[in-house]
Amino acid sequence: MDDKEERRQPLTNDDVDRIADAVAKKTRQAFHIEEEIHYNAHKRLDKLLDAYDRAANAFIKIFLGLVIVGLIVIAGFSVKGWK
């Protein structure tokens, strides 16, 4: 084969547009998410994040409560003289 026969012609703007449209169509089909399913997933995620926030707040309150109780107990022992 001759070198000229092996060379490809450069893509025209029409070729580029046609390829881009085909890729975009396949990409949309591959990653399409049903709107209702997507909405419901966000609702579940919101519930999960709310539960995490409640658990984090409860943990902080319990931890601080235990620290305060511990300080009161230590103060009580120091007043009595550790007998």
Protein backbone atom coordinates (compact mmCIF):
# COMPACT_ATOMS: atom_id res chain seq x y z
CA MET A 1 0.00 0.00 0.00
CA ASP A 2 1.04 3.50 -0.67
CA ASP A 3 1.57 5.99 2.21
CA LYS A 4 -1.16 8.20 0.83
CA GLU A 5 -3.68 5.34 0.90
CA GLU A 6 -2.90 4.57 4.55
CA ARG A 7 -3.43 8.15 5.66
CA ARG A 8 -6.87 9.13 6.79
CA GLN A 9 -8.57 12.31 5.83
CA PRO A 10 -8.98 14.84 8.66
CA LEU A 11 -12.39 14.97 10.28
CA THR A 12 -14.69 17.69 9.10
CA ASN A 13 -16.82 19.77 11.45
CA ASP A 14 -19.83 17.73 10.37
CA ASP A 15 -18.01 14.51 11.30
CA VAL A 16 -17.09 15.93 14.72
CA ASP A 17 -20.69 17.07 15.35
CA ARG A 18 -22.08 13.69 14.29
CA ILE A 19 -19.65 11.81 16.57
CA ALA A 20 -20.32 14.19 19.49
CA ASP A 21 -24.09 13.73 19.11
CA ALA A 22 -23.72 9.94 19.05
CA VAL A 23 -21.50 9.95 22.15
CA ALA A 24 -23.84 12.32 24.01
CA LYS A 25 -26.86 10.12 23.17
CA LYS A 26 -25.12 6.96 24.42
CA THR A 27 -23.89 8.75 27.55
CA ARG A 28 -27.38 10.00 28.42
CA GLN A 29 -28.78 6.49 27.93
CA ALA A 30 -26.08 4.91 30.09
CA PHE A 31 -26.42 7.37 32.97
CA HIS A 32 -30.13 8.19 32.83
CA ILE A 33 -31.77 8.13 36.25
CA GLU A 34 -35.51 8.14 36.70
CA GLU A 35 -36.57 11.39 38.32
CA GLU A 36 -38.82 9.77 40.92
CA ILE A 37 -36.15 7.27 41.96
CA HIS A 38 -33.63 10.09 42.24
CA TYR A 39 -36.04 12.19 44.33
CA ASN A 40 -36.80 9.27 46.67
CA ALA A 41 -33.08 8.59 47.08
CA HIS A 42 -32.61 12.19 48.21
CA LYS A 43 -35.45 11.82 50.72
CA ARG A 44 -33.80 8.70 52.18
CA LEU A 45 -30.44 10.45 52.27
CA ASP A 46 -32.01 13.40 54.11
CA LYS A 47 -33.46 11.00 56.70
CA LEU A 48 -30.06 9.36 57.14
CA LEU A 49 -28.34 12.71 57.61
CA ASP A 50 -30.99 13.79 60.13
CA ALA A 51 -30.45 10.56 62.09
CA TYR A 52 -26.68 11.17 62.05
CA ASP A 53 -27.18 14.72 63.36
CA ARG A 54 -29.45 13.49 66.16
CA ALA A 55 -26.96 10.77 67.14
CA ALA A 56 -24.05 13.21 67.12
CA ASN A 57 -25.99 15.68 69.29
CA ALA A 58 -27.00 12.91 71.72
CA PHE A 59 -23.39 11.70 71.94
CA ILE A 60 -22.13 15.21 72.74
CA LYS A 61 -24.83 15.72 75.41
CA ILE A 62 -24.15 12.35 77.03
CA PHE A 63 -20.37 12.92 76.98
CA LEU A 64 -20.68 16.36 78.54
CA GLY A 65 -23.14 15.00 81.11
CA LEU A 66 -20.70 12.26 82.12
CA VAL A 67 -17.87 14.81 82.38
CA ILE A 68 -20.00 17.00 84.65
CA VAL A 69 -21.04 14.03 86.81
CA GLY A 70 -17.39 12.94 87.01
CA LEU A 71 -16.31 16.42 88.09
CA ILE A 72 -19.02 16.49 90.75
CA VAL A 73 -17.90 13.09 92.07
CA ILE A 74 -14.25 14.18 92.14
CA ALA A 75 -15.22 17.43 93.88
CA GLY A 76 -17.24 15.43 96.41
CA PHE A 77 -14.27 13.17 97.18
CA SER A 78 -11.95 16.15 97.54
CA VAL A 79 -14.33 17.80 100.02
CA LYS A 80 -14.52 14.60 102.10
CA GLY A 81 -10.76 14.15 101.99
CA TRP A 82 -10.54 10.87 99.99
CA LYS A 83 -11.23 8.67 103.01
